Amino acid sequence: MADGVREIVALPDPVGEELERRTIQDGLELRKLRVPLGVVAVIYEARPNVTVDCAALCLKSGNAIVLRGSSYAERSNAALAGLVREAVLDAGLPEGSVELLGGDRTELEELATAEGLVELVIPRGGEGLKEALKAVATVPVLYAAGGNCHVYVHSEADLEMARRIAYNAKVDRPGVCNAAETLLVDESVAEAFLPDALADLAAAGVELVGDRRVRAAAGQTAVGEATEADWDTEYHGMKMAVGVVDSLEEAIEHVNHHGTGHTEAIVSGSPAAAQRFTDGVDSAVVFVNASTRYTDGYVFGMGAEIGNSTQKLHARGPIGLRELTTTKYVVQGDGQVRG
């Protein structure tokens, strides 16, 4: 956590950054600048590090923050928020720059409807939290939603590379939003790829479910029958759905139908196929020949992140300093009037 804060400190200050400068009608000088959002509320579940990451990002971007953690980590959150508030006072910032609320549902609804007090709510948690906010929110919400992420093994993939990537994407940290939940394999390489890849995953303790062709090609590895619900499930654990597809186009269609727009990956030696996948998949982050696990604000050079947005308006992907700002036009004149 401390390393993440130090990295945020070292990043350029986004506030006041000039995005555009030009002369418009009647000689007016127009500038477009980054400015803070104001008060940002972050609602999160049982990861206390979010307390520190979010506070550091919001303060660096000129915002005040209201933190609403879960009851699971109430004492840890309180201890960390207390340290942050001490640092805020030592730095001469207003005492109310960082506030921590309790974890009951009443305060969740109050935050989500605090128009005029809160500029933006960012929920970081599962689909249940997302749906609860959708039902009541009147304040703008930027959903740092869950990830039903896929790895697709193309017909021209290096199969050893694909084994490493599929294994890492599932096993490294299966409970996080950038872990792969579904493995898709092109029909032309299924028999060569699946026996060893599935054996690797099963040996690590992954419960596997698959379609008919996966089960036929699984060799000695036990694979259960995948239901329609499996393709839409973010397991948050050691379970993975595996499917065989007939083409790159079918893989793209499957990802866009079942995915959450978080992170997808293709393993392929064909630049043309990789380009078609990255162009065709509707997702915040798309990897070529790399694990989905790299979707992370720290890895992307942001120091940390508030979450990963799967929306398309304002911010998409990791939410860092720049994503916590909005813009303002400043126009300089010397007496011009419009006629």
Protein backbone atom coordinates (compact mmCIF):
# COMPACT_ATOMS: atom_id res chain seq x y z
CA MET A 1 0.00 0.00 0.00
CA ALA A 2 2.79 2.42 0.90
CA ASP A 3 4.61 1.68 -2.36
CA GLY A 4 1.43 2.44 -4.29
CA VAL A 5 1.03 5.77 -2.50
CA ARG A 6 4.65 6.71 -3.23
CA GLU A 7 4.13 5.91 -6.90
CA ILE A 8 0.98 8.09 -6.99
CA VAL A 9 2.93 10.93 -5.34
CA ALA A 10 5.57 10.72 -8.09
CA LEU A 11 3.03 10.94 -10.93
CA PRO A 12 2.33 14.28 -12.65
CA ASP A 13 -0.49 16.32 -11.09
CA PRO A 14 -3.43 16.13 -13.51
CA VAL A 15 -5.16 19.24 -12.12
CA GLY A 16 -4.60 22.25 -14.37
CA GLU A 17 -3.21 20.16 -17.22
CA GLU A 18 -3.84 21.98 -20.49
CA LEU A 19 -5.50 19.63 -22.97
CA GLU A 20 -6.11 22.11 -25.74
CA ARG A 21 -5.32 25.73 -26.69
CA ARG A 22 -6.52 27.54 -29.79
CA THR A 23 -7.85 30.84 -31.06
CA ILE A 24 -11.55 30.90 -31.90
CA GLN A 25 -13.99 33.48 -33.26
CA ASP A 26 -13.13 37.16 -32.81
CA GLY A 27 -9.66 36.36 -31.52
CA LEU A 28 -10.78 34.72 -28.28
CA GLU A 29 -8.14 32.46 -26.73
CA LEU A 30 -9.66 29.12 -25.66
CA ARG A 31 -8.00 26.67 -23.28
CA LYS A 32 -9.34 23.30 -22.12
CA LEU A 33 -8.08 22.34 -18.64
CA ARG A 34 -8.38 19.39 -16.29
CA VAL A 35 -10.17 20.18 -13.01
CA PRO A 36 -11.24 18.03 -10.02
CA LEU A 37 -14.66 16.41 -9.90
CA GLY A 38 -15.33 17.54 -6.32
CA VAL A 39 -16.52 14.94 -3.79
CA VAL A 40 -16.13 11.33 -4.88
CA ALA A 41 -17.81 8.50 -2.96
CA VAL A 42 -16.28 5.04 -3.22
CA ILE A 43 -18.29 2.03 -2.07
CA TYR A 44 -16.25 -1.14 -1.74
CA GLU A 45 -16.25 -4.59 -0.25
CA ALA A 46 -13.75 -6.56 1.80
CA ARG A 47 -10.34 -5.25 0.65
CA PRO A 48 -8.90 -2.71 3.12
CA ASN A 49 -6.12 -1.65 0.71
CA VAL A 50 -8.84 0.13 -1.28
CA THR A 51 -9.13 2.61 1.61
CA VAL A 52 -5.58 3.83 1.04
CA ASP A 53 -5.47 3.52 -2.76
CA CYS A 54 -8.69 5.48 -3.28
CA ALA A 55 -7.82 8.19 -0.76
CA ALA A 56 -4.40 8.76 -2.36
CA LEU A 57 -5.82 8.91 -5.90
CA CYS A 58 -8.63 11.30 -4.95
CA LEU A 59 -6.43 13.64 -2.94
CA LYS A 60 -3.76 13.76 -5.66
CA SER A 61 -6.43 14.64 -8.24
CA GLY A 62 -7.79 17.46 -6.05
CA ASN A 63 -10.94 15.69 -4.84
CA ALA A 64 -12.41 15.00 -1.43
CA ILE A 65 -13.46 11.40 -0.83
CA VAL A 66 -16.15 9.61 1.14
CA LEU A 67 -15.27 5.96 1.74
CA ARG A 68 -17.93 3.38 2.51
CA GLY A 69 -16.36 -0.01 3.20
CA SER A 70 -18.01 -3.24 4.23
CA SER A 71 -18.62 -4.51 7.75
CA TYR A 72 -16.22 -7.42 7.02
CA ALA A 73 -13.22 -5.08 7.27
CA GLU A 74 -14.64 -2.31 9.43
CA ARG A 75 -11.81 -2.11 11.97
CA SER A 76 -9.04 -2.38 9.36
CA ASN A 77 -10.69 0.33 7.26
CA ALA A 78 -11.05 2.57 10.32
CA ALA A 79 -7.38 2.16 11.24
CA LEU A 80 -6.19 2.93 7.72
CA ALA A 81 -8.57 5.87 7.28
CA GLY A 82 -7.30 7.24 10.58
CA LEU A 83 -3.73 7.19 9.27
CA VAL A 84 -4.83 8.94 6.09
CA ARG A 85 -6.66 11.66 8.05
CA GLU A 86 -3.54 12.26 10.18
CA ALA A 87 -1.51 12.71 7.00
CA VAL A 88 -4.14 15.04 5.54
CA LEU A 89 -4.02 17.30 8.61
CA ASP A 90 -0.20 17.25 8.65
CA ALA A 91 -0.25 18.41 5.01
CA GLY A 92 -2.57 21.32 5.83
CA LEU A 93 -5.56 19.97 3.88
CA PRO A 94 -9.13 20.35 5.17
CA GLU A 95 -10.06 17.84 7.87
CA GLY A 96 -13.08 16.64 5.91
CA SER A 97 -11.08 15.74 2.80
CA VAL A 98 -11.34 12.06 3.74
CA GLU A 99 -14.40 10.60 5.46
CA LEU A 100 -15.21 6.99 6.31
CA LEU A 101 -18.78 5.76 6.72
CA GLY A 102 -20.07 2.55 8.26
CA GLY A 103 -21.21 -0.42 6.25
CA ASP A 104 -25.00 -0.55 6.56
CA ARG A 105 -27.45 -0.30 3.65
CA THR A 106 -29.01 2.95 4.88
CA GLU A 107 -25.77 4.84 4.34
CA LEU A 108 -25.40 3.24 0.91
CA GLU A 109 -28.74 4.70 -0.17
CA GLU A 110 -27.93 8.09 1.38
CA LEU A 111 -24.68 8.30 -0.57
CA ALA A 112 -26.31 7.24 -3.84
CA THR A 113 -28.94 9.98 -3.53
CA ALA A 114 -26.76 12.80 -2.13
CA GLU A 115 -27.25 15.16 -5.07
CA GLY A 116 -25.46 18.46 -4.57
CA LEU A 117 -23.08 16.89 -2.03
CA VAL A 118 -21.50 14.05 -4.00
CA GLU A 119 -20.42 14.45 -7.64
CA LEU A 120 -19.73 10.80 -8.44
CA VAL A 121 -20.24 7.39 -6.83
CA ILE A 122 -17.86 4.57 -7.73
CA PRO A 123 -18.91 1.12 -6.51
CA ARG A 124 -16.17 -1.49 -6.39
CA GLY A 125 -17.69 -4.90 -5.83
CA GLY A 126 -19.88 -7.63 -7.21
CA GLU A 127 -23.05 -7.57 -9.28
CA GLY A 128 -25.20 -7.43 -6.12
CA LEU A 129 -23.72 -4.07 -5.15
CA LYS A 130 -24.13 -2.83 -8.71
CA GLU A 131 -27.80 -3.79 -8.84
CA ALA A 132 -28.48 -2.29 -5.39
CA LEU A 133 -27.13 1.06 -6.59
CA LYS A 134 -28.97 0.93 -9.89
CA ALA A 135 -32.23 0.66 -7.96
CA VAL A 136 -31.75 3.89 -6.00
CA ALA A 137 -28.98 6.09 -7.39
CA THR A 138 -29.70 9.66 -8.42
CA VAL A 139 -26.02 10.70 -8.28
CA PRO A 140 -23.93 9.74 -11.36
CA VAL A 141 -22.38 6.28 -10.91
CA LEU A 142 -19.20 4.98 -12.54
CA TYR A 143 -19.39 1.22 -12.19
CA ALA A 144 -16.11 -0.53 -11.41
CA ALA A 145 -17.84 -3.76 -12.25
CA GLY A 146 -16.87 -7.41 -12.10
CA GLY A 147 -15.06 -9.26 -14.82
CA ASN A 148 -16.26 -12.31 -16.72
CA CYS A 149 -12.95 -12.47 -18.60
CA HIS A 150 -11.95 -14.83 -21.43
CA VAL A 151 -8.78 -16.29 -22.91
CA TYR A 152 -9.14 -17.37 -26.54
CA VAL A 153 -6.60 -19.79 -28.06
CA HIS A 154 -6.54 -19.11 -31.81
CA SER A 155 -5.75 -21.67 -34.50
CA GLU A 156 -2.29 -20.08 -34.99
CA ALA A 157 -1.39 -19.90 -31.29
CA ASP A 158 1.89 -21.09 -29.81
CA LEU A 159 0.30 -23.81 -27.69
CA GLU A 160 2.96 -23.77 -24.95
CA MET A 161 2.49 -20.03 -24.63
CA ALA A 162 -1.26 -20.52 -24.53
CA ARG A 163 -0.92 -23.09 -21.71
CA ARG A 164 1.10 -20.64 -19.59
CA ILE A 165 -1.28 -17.77 -20.23
CA ALA A 166 -4.46 -19.75 -19.57
CA TYR A 167 -3.00 -21.17 -16.36
CA ASN A 168 -1.81 -17.80 -15.07
CA ALA A 169 -5.05 -16.03 -15.98
CA LYS A 170 -7.06 -18.51 -13.92
CA VAL A 171 -4.79 -19.68 -11.11
CA ASP A 172 -2.61 -16.69 -10.13
CA ARG A 173 -5.37 -14.92 -8.15
CA PRO A 174 -8.72 -16.52 -8.99
CA GLY A 175 -10.77 -14.22 -6.74
CA VAL A 176 -9.98 -10.94 -8.53
CA CYS A 177 -11.86 -9.25 -11.35
CA ASN A 178 -9.13 -9.75 -13.98
CA ALA A 179 -8.92 -13.52 -13.54
CA ALA A 180 -10.13 -15.54 -16.53
CA GLU A 181 -13.43 -17.35 -16.03
CA THR A 182 -13.73 -18.89 -19.51
CA LEU A 183 -11.20 -20.53 -21.81
CA LEU A 184 -12.15 -20.69 -25.50
CA VAL A 185 -10.18 -22.91 -27.87
CA ASP A 186 -10.27 -22.99 -31.66
CA GLU A 187 -11.56 -26.31 -32.98
CA SER A 188 -8.45 -26.83 -35.13
CA VAL A 189 -6.11 -26.99 -32.10
CA ALA A 190 -8.48 -28.38 -29.47
CA GLU A 191 -7.23 -31.98 -29.54
CA ALA A 192 -3.59 -30.88 -29.39
CA PHE A 193 -4.08 -28.22 -26.73
CA LEU A 194 -6.79 -29.31 -24.33
CA PRO A 195 -5.42 -32.51 -22.71
CA ASP A 196 -2.29 -30.86 -21.31
CA ALA A 197 -3.87 -27.48 -20.59
CA LEU A 198 -6.80 -29.01 -18.72
CA ALA A 199 -4.47 -31.33 -16.81
CA ASP A 200 -2.45 -28.28 -15.67
CA LEU A 201 -5.56 -26.51 -14.45
CA ALA A 202 -7.01 -29.57 -12.72
CA ALA A 203 -3.68 -30.26 -10.97
CA ALA A 204 -3.86 -26.73 -9.53
CA GLY A 205 -7.31 -27.49 -8.11
CA VAL A 206 -9.49 -25.85 -10.76
CA GLU A 207 -12.94 -27.36 -11.20
CA LEU A 208 -13.57 -27.59 -14.94
CA VAL A 209 -16.83 -27.58 -16.86
CA GLY A 210 -17.04 -27.68 -20.61
CA ASP A 211 -19.09 -28.29 -23.72
CA ARG A 212 -19.38 -31.61 -25.54
CA ARG A 213 -16.25 -31.16 -27.65
CA VAL A 214 -14.14 -30.13 -24.66
CA ARG A 215 -15.21 -33.19 -22.71
CA ALA A 216 -14.39 -35.41 -25.70
CA ALA A 217 -10.87 -33.95 -26.00
CA ALA A 218 -10.09 -33.78 -22.27
CA GLY A 219 -8.10 -37.01 -22.09
CA GLN A 220 -7.74 -38.21 -18.49
CA THR A 221 -8.94 -34.95 -16.93
CA ALA A 222 -12.44 -34.85 -15.44
CA VAL A 223 -14.58 -32.10 -16.98
CA GLY A 224 -18.19 -31.56 -15.95
CA GLU A 225 -20.95 -30.50 -18.30
CA ALA A 226 -21.20 -26.73 -18.67
CA THR A 227 -24.65 -25.20 -18.35
CA GLU A 228 -25.75 -22.03 -20.12
CA ALA A 229 -25.36 -20.16 -16.83
CA ASP A 230 -21.66 -21.12 -16.62
CA TRP A 231 -20.78 -18.92 -19.61
CA ASP A 232 -22.21 -15.90 -17.77
CA THR A 233 -20.75 -16.57 -14.32
CA GLU A 234 -17.88 -14.77 -12.62
CA TYR A 235 -16.78 -17.55 -10.28
CA HIS A 236 -14.38 -15.59 -8.07
CA GLY A 237 -12.67 -18.89 -7.38
CA MET A 238 -11.13 -22.07 -8.70
CA LYS A 239 -13.66 -22.95 -11.36
CA MET A 240 -13.47 -22.40 -15.11
CA ALA A 241 -15.73 -22.91 -18.10
CA VAL A 242 -14.08 -24.22 -21.28
CA GLY A 243 -15.53 -24.13 -24.77
CA VAL A 244 -14.52 -25.04 -28.32
CA VAL A 245 -15.34 -22.55 -31.08
CA ASP A 246 -15.21 -23.05 -34.84
CA SER A 247 -13.69 -19.71 -35.78
CA LEU A 248 -12.30 -16.39 -34.64
CA GLU A 249 -15.65 -14.79 -35.45
CA GLU A 250 -17.45 -17.27 -33.18
CA ALA A 251 -15.00 -16.50 -30.38
CA ILE A 252 -15.65 -12.76 -30.73
CA GLU A 253 -19.40 -13.37 -30.76
CA HIS A 254 -19.18 -15.54 -27.63
CA VAL A 255 -17.08 -12.96 -25.75
CA ASN A 256 -19.38 -10.07 -26.66
CA HIS A 257 -22.49 -12.03 -25.71
CA HIS A 258 -21.27 -13.43 -22.37
CA GLY A 259 -18.51 -11.07 -21.25
CA THR A 260 -18.82 -8.04 -18.99
CA GLY A 261 -16.58 -5.74 -21.04
CA HIS A 262 -13.70 -5.92 -18.55
CA THR A 263 -10.70 -7.79 -20.01
CA GLU A 264 -10.23 -10.31 -22.81
CA ALA A 265 -7.18 -12.02 -24.31
CA ILE A 266 -6.24 -13.77 -27.54
CA VAL A 267 -3.25 -16.05 -27.98
CA SER A 268 -2.22 -16.05 -31.64
CA GLY A 269 0.84 -15.88 -33.87
CA SER A 270 -1.18 -14.08 -36.53
CA PRO A 271 -1.08 -10.26 -36.33
CA ALA A 272 -4.11 -10.10 -38.65
CA ALA A 273 -6.15 -12.40 -36.39
CA ALA A 274 -5.07 -10.49 -33.29
CA GLN A 275 -6.14 -7.24 -34.93
CA ARG A 276 -9.54 -8.67 -35.83
CA PHE A 277 -9.99 -9.81 -32.23
CA THR A 278 -8.94 -6.49 -30.67
CA ASP A 279 -11.16 -4.60 -33.12
CA GLY A 280 -14.15 -6.92 -32.71
CA VAL A 281 -14.22 -7.48 -28.95
CA ASP A 282 -16.19 -4.82 -27.04
CA SER A 283 -14.08 -4.59 -23.90
CA ALA A 284 -12.18 -2.02 -21.86
CA VAL A 285 -8.90 -3.95 -22.15
CA VAL A 286 -7.81 -6.52 -24.74
CA PHE A 287 -4.52 -8.42 -24.52
CA VAL A 288 -2.63 -10.13 -27.31
CA ASN A 289 -0.40 -12.99 -26.15
CA ALA A 290 -0.52 -12.01 -22.47
CA SER A 291 -2.52 -12.89 -19.37
CA THR A 292 -5.67 -11.00 -18.38
CA ARG A 293 -4.10 -10.60 -14.94
CA TYR A 294 -2.17 -7.53 -16.13
CA THR A 295 -5.27 -5.32 -16.10
CA ASP A 296 -4.30 -3.28 -13.08
CA GLY A 297 -3.81 0.42 -12.41
CA TYR A 298 -0.48 -0.24 -10.67
CA VAL A 299 0.79 -2.27 -13.64
CA PHE A 300 -0.48 0.37 -16.09
CA GLY A 301 1.65 3.02 -14.35
CA MET A 302 -1.19 4.71 -12.47
CA GLY A 303 0.21 3.95 -9.01
CA ALA A 304 -3.08 2.31 -8.06
CA GLU A 305 -6.68 2.30 -9.21
CA ILE A 306 -10.13 2.81 -7.75
CA GLY A 307 -11.39 -0.01 -9.93
CA ASN A 308 -11.86 -0.99 -13.57
CA SER A 309 -14.72 0.71 -15.36
CA THR A 310 -16.66 -1.35 -17.88
CA GLN A 311 -18.66 1.68 -19.00
CA LYS A 312 -17.96 3.78 -22.08
CA LEU A 313 -18.75 7.27 -20.83
CA HIS A 314 -16.08 9.40 -19.08
CA ALA A 315 -13.72 6.56 -18.13
CA ARG A 316 -13.10 3.01 -19.27
CA GLY A 317 -10.62 0.51 -17.85
CA PRO A 318 -8.50 1.29 -14.78
CA ILE A 319 -9.72 4.41 -12.94
CA GLY A 320 -6.68 6.49 -12.03
CA LEU A 321 -5.82 10.15 -11.56
CA ARG A 322 -6.95 11.46 -14.93
CA GLU A 323 -10.20 9.52 -14.72
CA LEU A 324 -10.96 11.36 -11.46
CA THR A 325 -10.98 14.73 -13.21
CA THR A 326 -13.34 16.53 -15.55
CA THR A 327 -12.66 19.47 -17.87
CA LYS A 328 -13.26 23.19 -17.93
CA TYR A 329 -12.98 25.66 -20.81
CA VAL A 330 -11.31 28.97 -19.96
CA VAL A 331 -11.74 31.63 -22.66
CA GLN A 332 -9.69 34.86 -22.59
CA GLY A 333 -10.88 37.97 -24.36
CA ASP A 334 -10.16 41.69 -24.43
CA GLY A 335 -13.61 43.16 -24.71
CA GLN A 336 -15.17 41.08 -27.50
CA VAL A 337 -18.95 40.98 -27.83
CA ARG A 338 -20.86 38.67 -30.13
CA GLY A 339 -22.90 40.40 -32.81
